[in-house]
Amino acid sequence: MSASTITLGQLVRDSAAQLESAGVAFGHGTATAYDEAAWLVLWQLGLPLDTSLDVQAEDSMDGREVSAQELATVRQLIAQRISTRKPAAYLTREAWLQGVPFYVDERAIVPRSFIAELLADGTIDEWLSEETRMVLDLCTGNGSLACLAAMAYPDVDITASDISPDALAVARINVDKHHLAERITLVQSDGMRMLHGTWDLVLCNPPYVNADSMGKLPAEYRAEPELALAGGADGMDFIRALFNDLPERMSADGVLVLEIGNEKPYFEAAFPSLPVFWLDTSSGDEQVLLVTRAALLSLRG
């Protein structure tokens, strides 16, 4: 190895240092500069994203030499990540949830919902029954939760809805990519307005970011469609309308699984008497809740 040669492991570490020094923000599939650098480097070089860079592992590729051409393309990608402040998923046109790859571009929010974990680990299953047939993924974005729900529950029919025709065009790519067109129907709707089914399970990762937080978001989040993020002054505008409209569209034992991110204080202030079940995720038990139809009806007094 010549003095000027760089290895794969060193390239990842150098790229991570660049990202960290530039102050880019994470949270769109990775949480650290190193993880994001590894993703971008491996993707750019066409290597599996689970390639081992652990120097202690027998299959480690940490010492693999990087050619001059490979080095140039990686440096270009890292520079693009820094200069544009776009999430890495928009640069790679790919995002992963629960080990499943999904296409994404700037027309849809980068998928990162914790509801994906709950579909994969069976947390929601105890609330369902053999009668569960109709599932709605509201605010579907790129359609990833609808696809994961179809994979988790092979006997259900799924409607995936979004107000944005652009997002639905991206969702169509993913539905077709995973060969689920016969089980997932895409519908453009402003909330529940065009949705007339009777739903047994509703999944919803809505716009919930409050106005103050919207004004402080890093550039990476501002690169996403604002429509998918902004929830009004307290972040609860969409949710208020949903709680009002949804009960009549649910079966007697229907449940809603709702993600609210870091907005629990605003949620509890808006709905102080609503009984809900907080579901445990890798980010704790304050990000996603489950509420029954009966509980939603109780809001009406």
C-alpha atoms as a PDB file:
ATOM      1  CA  MET A   1       0.000   0.000   0.000  1.00  0.00           C
ATOM      2  CA  SER A   2       1.493   3.335  -1.043  1.00  0.00           C
ATOM      3  CA  ALA A   3       1.667   6.320   1.254  1.00  0.00           C
ATOM      4  CA  SER A   4      -1.028   8.070  -0.764  1.00  0.00           C
ATOM      5  CA  THR A   5      -3.464   5.150  -0.706  1.00  0.00           C
ATOM      6  CA  ILE A   6      -6.592   5.517   1.396  1.00  0.00           C
ATOM      7  CA  THR A   7      -8.586   2.608   2.744  1.00  0.00           C
ATOM      8  CA  LEU A   8     -12.341   2.226   2.921  1.00  0.00           C
ATOM      9  CA  GLY A   9     -12.340   2.576   6.694  1.00  0.00           C
ATOM     10  CA  GLN A  10     -10.215   5.705   6.586  1.00  0.00           C
ATOM     11  CA  LEU A  11     -12.430   7.211   3.895  1.00  0.00           C
ATOM     12  CA  VAL A  12     -15.508   6.690   6.074  1.00  0.00           C
ATOM     13  CA  ARG A  13     -13.763   8.227   9.078  1.00  0.00           C
ATOM     14  CA  ASP A  14     -12.497  11.194   7.054  1.00  0.00           C
ATOM     15  CA  SER A  15     -15.969  11.736   5.563  1.00  0.00           C
ATOM     16  CA  ALA A  16     -17.538  11.598   9.017  1.00  0.00           C
ATOM     17  CA  ALA A  17     -15.103  14.239  10.235  1.00  0.00           C
ATOM     18  CA  GLN A  18     -16.064  16.468   7.293  1.00  0.00           C
ATOM     19  CA  LEU A  19     -19.769  16.099   7.998  1.00  0.00           C
ATOM     20  CA  GLU A  20     -19.291  16.811  11.682  1.00  0.00           C
ATOM     21  CA  SER A  21     -17.071  19.812  11.047  1.00  0.00           C
ATOM     22  CA  ALA A  22     -19.632  21.229   8.617  1.00  0.00           C
ATOM     23  CA  GLY A  23     -22.374  20.966  11.231  1.00  0.00           C
ATOM     24  CA  VAL A  24     -24.858  19.047   9.097  1.00  0.00           C
ATOM     25  CA  ALA A  25     -27.947  17.723  10.866  1.00  0.00           C
ATOM     26  CA  PHE A  26     -28.959  14.076  11.063  1.00  0.00           C
ATOM     27  CA  GLY A  27     -32.201  12.265  11.821  1.00  0.00           C
ATOM     28  CA  HIS A  28     -33.278  11.025   8.391  1.00  0.00           C
ATOM     29  CA  GLY A  29     -32.160   7.433   8.817  1.00  0.00           C
ATOM     30  CA  THR A  30     -28.934   8.004  10.718  1.00  0.00           C
ATOM     31  CA  ALA A  31     -28.148   9.615  14.047  1.00  0.00           C
ATOM     32  CA  THR A  32     -24.384  10.213  13.834  1.00  0.00           C
ATOM     33  CA  ALA A  33     -21.817  11.587  11.399  1.00  0.00           C
ATOM     34  CA  TYR A  34     -20.079   8.199  11.230  1.00  0.00           C
ATOM     35  CA  ASP A  35     -23.248   6.290  10.374  1.00  0.00           C
ATOM     36  CA  GLU A  36     -24.174   8.803   7.693  1.00  0.00           C
ATOM     37  CA  ALA A  37     -20.666   8.759   6.230  1.00  0.00           C
ATOM     38  CA  ALA A  38     -20.688   4.956   6.128  1.00  0.00           C
ATOM     39  CA  TRP A  39     -24.055   5.002   4.348  1.00  0.00           C
ATOM     40  CA  LEU A  40     -22.946   7.531   1.737  1.00  0.00           C
ATOM     41  CA  VAL A  41     -19.545   5.949   1.101  1.00  0.00           C
ATOM     42  CA  LEU A  42     -20.867   2.399   0.794  1.00  0.00           C
ATOM     43  CA  TRP A  43     -23.765   3.514  -1.396  1.00  0.00           C
ATOM     44  CA  GLN A  44     -21.522   5.552  -3.696  1.00  0.00           C
ATOM     45  CA  LEU A  45     -19.119   2.629  -4.125  1.00  0.00           C
ATOM     46  CA  GLY A  46     -21.933   0.153  -4.764  1.00  0.00           C
ATOM     47  CA  LEU A  47     -21.116  -1.889  -1.661  1.00  0.00           C
ATOM     48  CA  PRO A  48     -23.763  -3.516   0.568  1.00  0.00           C
ATOM     49  CA  LEU A  49     -24.849  -1.164   3.341  1.00  0.00           C
ATOM     50  CA  ASP A  50     -24.157  -3.919   5.893  1.00  0.00           C
ATOM     51  CA  THR A  51     -20.511  -4.149   4.825  1.00  0.00           C
ATOM     52  CA  SER A  52     -18.398  -4.649   7.952  1.00  0.00           C
ATOM     53  CA  LEU A  53     -15.887  -1.944   8.821  1.00  0.00           C
ATOM     54  CA  ASP A  54     -15.062  -3.457  12.197  1.00  0.00           C
ATOM     55  CA  VAL A  55     -11.304  -4.014  12.156  1.00  0.00           C
ATOM     56  CA  GLN A  56     -11.735  -6.883  14.636  1.00  0.00           C
ATOM     57  CA  ALA A  57     -14.104  -8.805  12.365  1.00  0.00           C
ATOM     58  CA  GLU A  58     -12.815 -11.460   9.975  1.00  0.00           C
ATOM     59  CA  ASP A  59     -14.949 -10.123   7.128  1.00  0.00           C
ATOM     60  CA  SER A  60     -14.044  -6.481   7.742  1.00  0.00           C
ATOM     61  CA  MET A  61     -13.446  -4.373   4.643  1.00  0.00           C
ATOM     62  CA  ASP A  62     -11.872  -1.569   6.667  1.00  0.00           C
ATOM     63  CA  GLY A  63      -8.545  -2.138   4.915  1.00  0.00           C
ATOM     64  CA  ARG A  64      -9.911  -2.302   1.365  1.00  0.00           C
ATOM     65  CA  GLU A  65      -8.048   0.145  -0.847  1.00  0.00           C
ATOM     66  CA  VAL A  66     -10.046   2.891  -2.523  1.00  0.00           C
ATOM     67  CA  SER A  67      -9.100   3.856  -6.079  1.00  0.00           C
ATOM     68  CA  ALA A  68      -8.518   7.445  -7.109  1.00  0.00           C
ATOM     69  CA  GLN A  69     -11.735   7.458  -9.116  1.00  0.00           C
ATOM     70  CA  GLU A  70     -13.746   6.045  -6.202  1.00  0.00           C
ATOM     71  CA  LEU A  71     -12.228   8.615  -3.883  1.00  0.00           C
ATOM     72  CA  ALA A  72     -13.194  11.444  -6.223  1.00  0.00           C
ATOM     73  CA  THR A  73     -16.823  10.323  -6.510  1.00  0.00           C
ATOM     74  CA  VAL A  74     -17.180   9.915  -2.744  1.00  0.00           C
ATOM     75  CA  ARG A  75     -15.681  13.327  -2.057  1.00  0.00           C
ATOM     76  CA  GLN A  76     -18.087  14.834  -4.571  1.00  0.00           C
ATOM     77  CA  LEU A  77     -21.059  13.215  -2.828  1.00  0.00           C
ATOM     78  CA  ILE A  78     -19.928  14.341   0.633  1.00  0.00           C
ATOM     79  CA  ALA A  79     -19.432  17.867  -0.697  1.00  0.00           C
ATOM     80  CA  GLN A  80     -22.944  17.776  -2.163  1.00  0.00           C
ATOM     81  CA  ARG A  81     -24.372  16.632   1.178  1.00  0.00           C
ATOM     82  CA  ILE A  82     -22.671  19.557   2.906  1.00  0.00           C
ATOM     83  CA  SER A  83     -23.405  22.261   0.327  1.00  0.00           C
ATOM     84  CA  THR A  84     -27.073  21.404  -0.304  1.00  0.00           C
ATOM     85  CA  ARG A  85     -27.956  20.320   3.243  1.00  0.00           C
ATOM     86  CA  LYS A  86     -30.306  17.790   1.659  1.00  0.00           C
ATOM     87  CA  PRO A  87     -30.947  14.611   3.667  1.00  0.00           C
ATOM     88  CA  ALA A  88     -28.773  11.748   2.452  1.00  0.00           C
ATOM     89  CA  ALA A  89     -31.895   9.850   1.386  1.00  0.00           C
ATOM     90  CA  TYR A  90     -32.622  12.517  -1.222  1.00  0.00           C
ATOM     91  CA  LEU A  91     -29.109  12.132  -2.615  1.00  0.00           C
ATOM     92  CA  THR A  92     -29.216   8.330  -2.738  1.00  0.00           C
ATOM     93  CA  ARG A  93     -32.924   8.187  -3.657  1.00  0.00           C
ATOM     94  CA  GLU A  94     -33.291   5.451  -1.078  1.00  0.00           C
ATOM     95  CA  ALA A  95     -34.413   5.069   2.523  1.00  0.00           C
ATOM     96  CA  TRP A  96     -34.590   1.933   4.649  1.00  0.00           C
ATOM     97  CA  LEU A  97     -37.217   1.011   7.238  1.00  0.00           C
ATOM     98  CA  GLN A  98     -36.983  -2.269   9.131  1.00  0.00           C
ATOM     99  CA  GLY A  99     -34.504  -3.600   6.596  1.00  0.00           C
ATOM    100  CA  VAL A 100     -36.772  -2.811   3.635  1.00  0.00           C
ATOM    101  CA  PRO A 101     -35.582  -0.373   0.941  1.00  0.00           C
ATOM    102  CA  PHE A 102     -37.903   2.361  -0.302  1.00  0.00           C
ATOM    103  CA  TYR A 103     -37.533   4.919  -3.053  1.00  0.00           C
ATOM    104  CA  VAL A 104     -37.787   8.553  -1.968  1.00  0.00           C
ATOM    105  CA  ASP A 105     -37.171  11.964  -3.481  1.00  0.00           C
ATOM    106  CA  GLU A 106     -37.982  15.579  -2.643  1.00  0.00           C
ATOM    107  CA  ARG A 107     -41.676  15.111  -3.436  1.00  0.00           C
ATOM    108  CA  ALA A 108     -42.204  13.182  -0.182  1.00  0.00           C
ATOM    109  CA  ILE A 109     -40.954  13.344   3.382  1.00  0.00           C
ATOM    110  CA  VAL A 110     -38.059  11.005   4.169  1.00  0.00           C
ATOM    111  CA  PRO A 111     -39.660   7.970   5.864  1.00  0.00           C
ATOM    112  CA  ARG A 112     -38.561   7.460   9.467  1.00  0.00           C
ATOM    113  CA  SER A 113     -41.741   6.675  11.381  1.00  0.00           C
ATOM    114  CA  PHE A 114     -41.481   4.667  14.582  1.00  0.00           C
ATOM    115  CA  ILE A 115     -44.752   3.019  13.566  1.00  0.00           C
ATOM    116  CA  ALA A 116     -42.591   0.850  11.297  1.00  0.00           C
ATOM    117  CA  GLU A 117     -41.054  -0.735  14.400  1.00  0.00           C
ATOM    118  CA  LEU A 118     -44.477  -1.497  15.852  1.00  0.00           C
ATOM    119  CA  LEU A 119     -45.593  -3.202  12.643  1.00  0.00           C
ATOM    120  CA  ALA A 120     -42.437  -5.308  12.594  1.00  0.00           C
ATOM    121  CA  ASP A 121     -42.351  -6.362  16.252  1.00  0.00           C
ATOM    122  CA  GLY A 122     -46.059  -7.157  16.589  1.00  0.00           C
ATOM    123  CA  THR A 123     -46.829  -4.533  19.241  1.00  0.00           C
ATOM    124  CA  ILE A 124     -50.087  -3.608  17.514  1.00  0.00           C
ATOM    125  CA  ASP A 125     -51.229  -7.193  17.009  1.00  0.00           C
ATOM    126  CA  GLU A 126     -52.946  -7.560  20.379  1.00  0.00           C
ATOM    127  CA  TRP A 127     -55.350  -4.796  19.380  1.00  0.00           C
ATOM    128  CA  LEU A 128     -56.344  -6.564  16.176  1.00  0.00           C
ATOM    129  CA  SER A 129     -58.444  -9.647  15.532  1.00  0.00           C
ATOM    130  CA  GLU A 130     -59.334 -12.125  12.824  1.00  0.00           C
ATOM    131  CA  GLU A 131     -61.934  -9.580  11.738  1.00  0.00           C
ATOM    132  CA  THR A 132     -59.288  -6.962  10.952  1.00  0.00           C
ATOM    133  CA  ARG A 133     -59.469  -6.490   7.204  1.00  0.00           C
ATOM    134  CA  MET A 134     -59.508  -2.789   6.359  1.00  0.00           C
ATOM    135  CA  VAL A 135     -56.370  -0.740   7.065  1.00  0.00           C
ATOM    136  CA  LEU A 136     -55.808   2.940   6.337  1.00  0.00           C
ATOM    137  CA  ASP A 137     -52.386   4.566   6.150  1.00  0.00           C
ATOM    138  CA  LEU A 138     -53.217   8.268   6.404  1.00  0.00           C
ATOM    139  CA  CYS A 139     -50.535  10.798   5.390  1.00  0.00           C
ATOM    140  CA  THR A 140     -48.754   7.954   3.634  1.00  0.00           C
ATOM    141  CA  GLY A 141     -45.948  10.034   2.108  1.00  0.00           C
ATOM    142  CA  ASN A 142     -43.807   7.638   0.075  1.00  0.00           C
ATOM    143  CA  GLY A 143     -46.046   4.708   1.015  1.00  0.00           C
ATOM    144  CA  SER A 144     -43.537   2.899   3.206  1.00  0.00           C
ATOM    145  CA  LEU A 145     -45.869   2.240   6.162  1.00  0.00           C
ATOM    146  CA  ALA A 146     -48.578   0.960   3.834  1.00  0.00           C
ATOM    147  CA  CYS A 147     -46.094  -1.452   2.280  1.00  0.00           C
ATOM    148  CA  LEU A 148     -44.816  -2.621   5.673  1.00  0.00           C
ATOM    149  CA  ALA A 149     -48.389  -3.123   6.883  1.00  0.00           C
ATOM    150  CA  ALA A 150     -49.141  -5.223   3.810  1.00  0.00           C
ATOM    151  CA  MET A 151     -46.061  -7.319   4.529  1.00  0.00           C
ATOM    152  CA  ALA A 152     -46.971  -7.719   8.208  1.00  0.00           C
ATOM    153  CA  TYR A 153     -50.643  -8.531   7.631  1.00  0.00           C
ATOM    154  CA  PRO A 154     -51.074 -10.577   4.437  1.00  0.00           C
ATOM    155  CA  ASP A 155     -54.863 -10.855   4.828  1.00  0.00           C
ATOM    156  CA  VAL A 156     -55.731  -7.150   4.925  1.00  0.00           C
ATOM    157  CA  ASP A 157     -56.605  -4.581   2.277  1.00  0.00           C
ATOM    158  CA  ILE A 158     -54.855  -1.252   2.616  1.00  0.00           C
ATOM    159  CA  THR A 159     -55.730   2.251   1.500  1.00  0.00           C
ATOM    160  CA  ALA A 160     -52.808   4.679   1.485  1.00  0.00           C
ATOM    161  CA  SER A 161     -53.826   8.330   1.386  1.00  0.00           C
ATOM    162  CA  ASP A 162     -52.134  11.699   1.173  1.00  0.00           C
ATOM    163  CA  ILE A 163     -53.163  15.236   0.306  1.00  0.00           C
ATOM    164  CA  SER A 164     -50.150  15.568  -2.000  1.00  0.00           C
ATOM    165  CA  PRO A 165     -50.347  14.117  -5.516  1.00  0.00           C
ATOM    166  CA  ASP A 166     -46.562  14.357  -5.671  1.00  0.00           C
ATOM    167  CA  ALA A 167     -46.188  12.179  -2.577  1.00  0.00           C
ATOM    168  CA  LEU A 168     -48.652   9.680  -3.997  1.00  0.00           C
ATOM    169  CA  ALA A 169     -46.575   9.468  -7.193  1.00  0.00           C
ATOM    170  CA  VAL A 170     -43.628   8.425  -5.034  1.00  0.00           C
ATOM    171  CA  ALA A 171     -45.826   5.996  -3.112  1.00  0.00           C
ATOM    172  CA  ARG A 172     -46.855   4.428  -6.431  1.00  0.00           C
ATOM    173  CA  ILE A 173     -43.191   3.705  -7.161  1.00  0.00           C
ATOM    174  CA  ASN A 174     -42.842   1.840  -3.862  1.00  0.00           C
ATOM    175  CA  VAL A 175     -46.124  -0.046  -4.119  1.00  0.00           C
ATOM    176  CA  ASP A 176     -45.069  -1.290  -7.538  1.00  0.00           C
ATOM    177  CA  LYS A 177     -41.480  -1.910  -6.419  1.00  0.00           C
ATOM    178  CA  HIS A 178     -42.718  -4.317  -3.740  1.00  0.00           C
ATOM    179  CA  HIS A 179     -45.412  -5.882  -5.949  1.00  0.00           C
ATOM    180  CA  LEU A 180     -48.281  -4.761  -3.706  1.00  0.00           C
ATOM    181  CA  ALA A 181     -50.538  -3.020  -6.221  1.00  0.00           C
ATOM    182  CA  GLU A 182     -53.275  -5.630  -5.774  1.00  0.00           C
ATOM    183  CA  ARG A 183     -53.486  -4.955  -2.032  1.00  0.00           C
ATOM    184  CA  ILE A 184     -52.741  -1.239  -1.663  1.00  0.00           C
ATOM    185  CA  THR A 185     -55.040   1.424  -3.090  1.00  0.00           C
ATOM    186  CA  LEU A 186     -53.713   4.982  -3.323  1.00  0.00           C
ATOM    187  CA  VAL A 187     -56.184   7.823  -2.733  1.00  0.00           C
ATOM    188  CA  GLN A 188     -55.649  11.576  -2.749  1.00  0.00           C
ATOM    189  CA  SER A 189     -57.523  13.115   0.169  1.00  0.00           C
ATOM    190  CA  ASP A 190     -57.348  16.097   2.479  1.00  0.00           C
ATOM    191  CA  GLY A 191     -57.546  14.235   5.774  1.00  0.00           C
ATOM    192  CA  MET A 192     -60.609  11.983   5.797  1.00  0.00           C
ATOM    193  CA  ARG A 193     -62.537  14.021   3.209  1.00  0.00           C
ATOM    194  CA  MET A 194     -62.349  11.487   0.342  1.00  0.00           C
ATOM    195  CA  LEU A 195     -62.084   8.361   2.499  1.00  0.00           C
ATOM    196  CA  HIS A 196     -65.364   6.562   2.972  1.00  0.00           C
ATOM    197  CA  GLY A 197     -64.394   3.129   4.218  1.00  0.00           C
ATOM    198  CA  THR A 198     -64.937   1.539   7.599  1.00  0.00           C
ATOM    199  CA  TRP A 199     -61.461   1.115   8.998  1.00  0.00           C
ATOM    200  CA  ASP A 200     -60.330  -1.522  11.506  1.00  0.00           C
ATOM    201  CA  LEU A 201     -56.823  -0.091  11.823  1.00  0.00           C
ATOM    202  CA  VAL A 202     -55.639   3.423  10.999  1.00  0.00           C
ATOM    203  CA  LEU A 203     -51.948   4.292  10.870  1.00  0.00           C
ATOM    204  CA  CYS A 204     -51.085   7.968  10.815  1.00  0.00           C
ATOM    205  CA  ASN A 205     -47.824   9.899  10.923  1.00  0.00           C
ATOM    206  CA  PRO A 206     -49.335  13.365  10.358  1.00  0.00           C
ATOM    207  CA  PRO A 207     -47.897  16.876  10.189  1.00  0.00           C
ATOM    208  CA  TYR A 208     -47.435  17.654  13.892  1.00  0.00           C
ATOM    209  CA  VAL A 209     -44.517  20.084  14.260  1.00  0.00           C
ATOM    210  CA  ASN A 210     -45.574  23.223  16.154  1.00  0.00           C
ATOM    211  CA  ALA A 211     -44.962  26.673  14.696  1.00  0.00           C
ATOM    212  CA  ASP A 212     -42.118  27.573  17.051  1.00  0.00           C
ATOM    213  CA  SER A 213     -40.261  24.350  16.271  1.00  0.00           C
ATOM    214  CA  MET A 214     -40.863  24.776  12.529  1.00  0.00           C
ATOM    215  CA  GLY A 215     -38.997  28.067  12.683  1.00  0.00           C
ATOM    216  CA  LYS A 216     -35.985  26.354  14.283  1.00  0.00           C
ATOM    217  CA  LEU A 217     -35.697  23.300  12.047  1.00  0.00           C
ATOM    218  CA  PRO A 218     -32.279  22.578  10.494  1.00  0.00           C
ATOM    219  CA  ALA A 219     -31.943  22.979   6.735  1.00  0.00           C
ATOM    220  CA  GLU A 220     -32.216  19.207   6.216  1.00  0.00           C
ATOM    221  CA  TYR A 221     -35.788  19.266   7.514  1.00  0.00           C
ATOM    222  CA  ARG A 222     -36.659  22.394   5.567  1.00  0.00           C
ATOM    223  CA  ALA A 223     -35.641  20.475   2.426  1.00  0.00           C
ATOM    224  CA  GLU A 224     -38.702  18.274   2.975  1.00  0.00           C
ATOM    225  CA  PRO A 225     -42.248  19.250   1.952  1.00  0.00           C
ATOM    226  CA  GLU A 226     -43.507  21.687   4.605  1.00  0.00           C
ATOM    227  CA  LEU A 227     -46.991  20.252   4.134  1.00  0.00           C
ATOM    228  CA  ALA A 228     -45.786  16.983   5.678  1.00  0.00           C
ATOM    229  CA  LEU A 229     -44.365  18.664   8.787  1.00  0.00           C
ATOM    230  CA  ALA A 230     -46.212  21.822   9.841  1.00  0.00           C
ATOM    231  CA  GLY A 231     -49.103  21.215  12.230  1.00  0.00           C
ATOM    232  CA  GLY A 232     -50.110  24.767  13.115  1.00  0.00           C
ATOM    233  CA  ALA A 233     -49.461  26.840  16.222  1.00  0.00           C
ATOM    234  CA  ASP A 234     -49.368  23.871  18.629  1.00  0.00           C
ATOM    235  CA  GLY A 235     -48.866  21.134  16.030  1.00  0.00           C
ATOM    236  CA  MET A 236     -52.323  19.689  16.611  1.00  0.00           C
ATOM    237  CA  ASP A 237     -54.373  21.175  13.742  1.00  0.00           C
ATOM    238  CA  PHE A 238     -54.485  18.033  11.605  1.00  0.00           C
ATOM    239  CA  ILE A 239     -55.031  15.823  14.646  1.00  0.00           C
ATOM    240  CA  ARG A 240     -58.010  17.875  15.871  1.00  0.00           C
ATOM    241  CA  ALA A 241     -59.713  17.461  12.500  1.00  0.00           C
ATOM    242  CA  LEU A 242     -58.841  13.763  12.406  1.00  0.00           C
ATOM    243  CA  PHE A 243     -60.297  13.089  15.853  1.00  0.00           C
ATOM    244  CA  ASN A 244     -63.496  14.823  14.814  1.00  0.00           C
ATOM    245  CA  ASP A 245     -63.903  12.999  11.493  1.00  0.00           C
ATOM    246  CA  LEU A 246     -62.517   9.532  12.181  1.00  0.00           C
ATOM    247  CA  PRO A 247     -64.932   7.754  14.586  1.00  0.00           C
ATOM    248  CA  GLU A 248     -67.710   7.466  11.972  1.00  0.00           C
ATOM    249  CA  ARG A 249     -65.211   5.838   9.587  1.00  0.00           C
ATOM    250  CA  MET A 250     -64.010   3.178  12.077  1.00  0.00           C
ATOM    251  CA  SER A 251     -65.363  -0.243  12.913  1.00  0.00           C
ATOM    252  CA  ALA A 252     -66.659  -0.796  16.453  1.00  0.00           C
ATOM    253  CA  ASP A 253     -63.307  -2.192  17.615  1.00  0.00           C
ATOM    254  CA  GLY A 254     -61.204   0.025  15.375  1.00  0.00           C
ATOM    255  CA  VAL A 255     -57.980   1.596  16.618  1.00  0.00           C
ATOM    256  CA  LEU A 256     -55.786   4.499  15.531  1.00  0.00           C
ATOM    257  CA  VAL A 257     -51.997   4.333  15.842  1.00  0.00           C
ATOM    258  CA  LEU A 258     -50.746   7.916  15.792  1.00  0.00           C
ATOM    259  CA  GLU A 259     -47.220   9.298  15.798  1.00  0.00           C
ATOM    260  CA  ILE A 260     -46.699  12.720  17.397  1.00  0.00           C
ATOM    261  CA  GLY A 261     -42.907  12.870  17.721  1.00  0.00           C
ATOM    262  CA  ASN A 262     -41.784  15.226  20.484  1.00  0.00           C
ATOM    263  CA  GLU A 263     -45.153  16.941  20.806  1.00  0.00           C
ATOM    264  CA  LYS A 264     -46.559  15.006  23.794  1.00  0.00           C
ATOM    265  CA  PRO A 265     -46.958  18.134  25.977  1.00  0.00           C
ATOM    266  CA  TYR A 266     -48.953  19.866  23.227  1.00  0.00           C
ATOM    267  CA  PHE A 267     -50.996  16.712  22.613  1.00  0.00           C
ATOM    268  CA  GLU A 268     -51.921  16.353  26.276  1.00  0.00           C
ATOM    269  CA  ALA A 269     -52.753  20.038  26.520  1.00  0.00           C
ATOM    270  CA  ALA A 270     -55.055  19.759  23.499  1.00  0.00           C
ATOM    271  CA  PHE A 271     -56.741  16.514  24.606  1.00  0.00           C
ATOM    272  CA  PRO A 272     -56.405  16.397  28.412  1.00  0.00           C
ATOM    273  CA  SER A 273     -59.254  13.940  28.997  1.00  0.00           C
ATOM    274  CA  LEU A 274     -58.545  11.523  26.142  1.00  0.00           C
ATOM    275  CA  PRO A 275     -57.505   8.030  27.327  1.00  0.00           C
ATOM    276  CA  VAL A 276     -54.684   6.732  25.140  1.00  0.00           C
ATOM    277  CA  PHE A 277     -52.079   3.979  25.258  1.00  0.00           C
ATOM    278  CA  TRP A 278     -48.461   5.060  24.762  1.00  0.00           C
ATOM    279  CA  LEU A 279     -46.488   2.481  22.785  1.00  0.00           C
ATOM    280  CA  ASP A 280     -42.836   1.699  23.416  1.00  0.00           C
ATOM    281  CA  THR A 281     -40.385   2.335  20.558  1.00  0.00           C
ATOM    282  CA  SER A 282     -36.614   2.609  20.237  1.00  0.00           C
ATOM    283  CA  SER A 283     -37.053   6.297  21.098  1.00  0.00           C
ATOM    284  CA  GLY A 284     -39.080   5.648  24.248  1.00  0.00           C
ATOM    285  CA  ASP A 285     -42.801   5.589  24.960  1.00  0.00           C
ATOM    286  CA  GLU A 286     -43.764   9.192  24.191  1.00  0.00           C
ATOM    287  CA  GLN A 287     -43.596   9.225  20.383  1.00  0.00           C
ATOM    288  CA  VAL A 288     -46.470   6.962  19.317  1.00  0.00           C
ATOM    289  CA  LEU A 289     -49.873   6.377  20.872  1.00  0.00           C
ATOM    290  CA  LEU A 290     -52.846   4.119  20.274  1.00  0.00           C
ATOM    291  CA  VAL A 291     -56.410   5.316  20.758  1.00  0.00           C
ATOM    292  CA  THR A 292     -59.636   3.375  20.347  1.00  0.00           C
ATOM    293  CA  ARG A 293     -62.798   4.459  18.569  1.00  0.00           C
ATOM    294  CA  ALA A 294     -64.623   4.448  21.906  1.00  0.00           C
ATOM    295  CA  ALA A 295     -62.049   6.840  23.352  1.00  0.00           C
ATOM    296  CA  LEU A 296     -62.395   9.199  20.402  1.00  0.00           C
ATOM    297  CA  LEU A 297     -66.160   9.220  20.832  1.00  0.00           C
ATOM    298  CA  SER A 298     -65.654  10.187  24.491  1.00  0.00           C
ATOM    299  CA  LEU A 299     -64.252  13.536  23.339  1.00  0.00           C
ATOM    300  CA  ARG A 300     -67.757  14.476  22.319  1.00  0.00           C
ATOM    301  CA  GLY A 301     -68.977  14.270  25.886  1.00  0.00           C
END
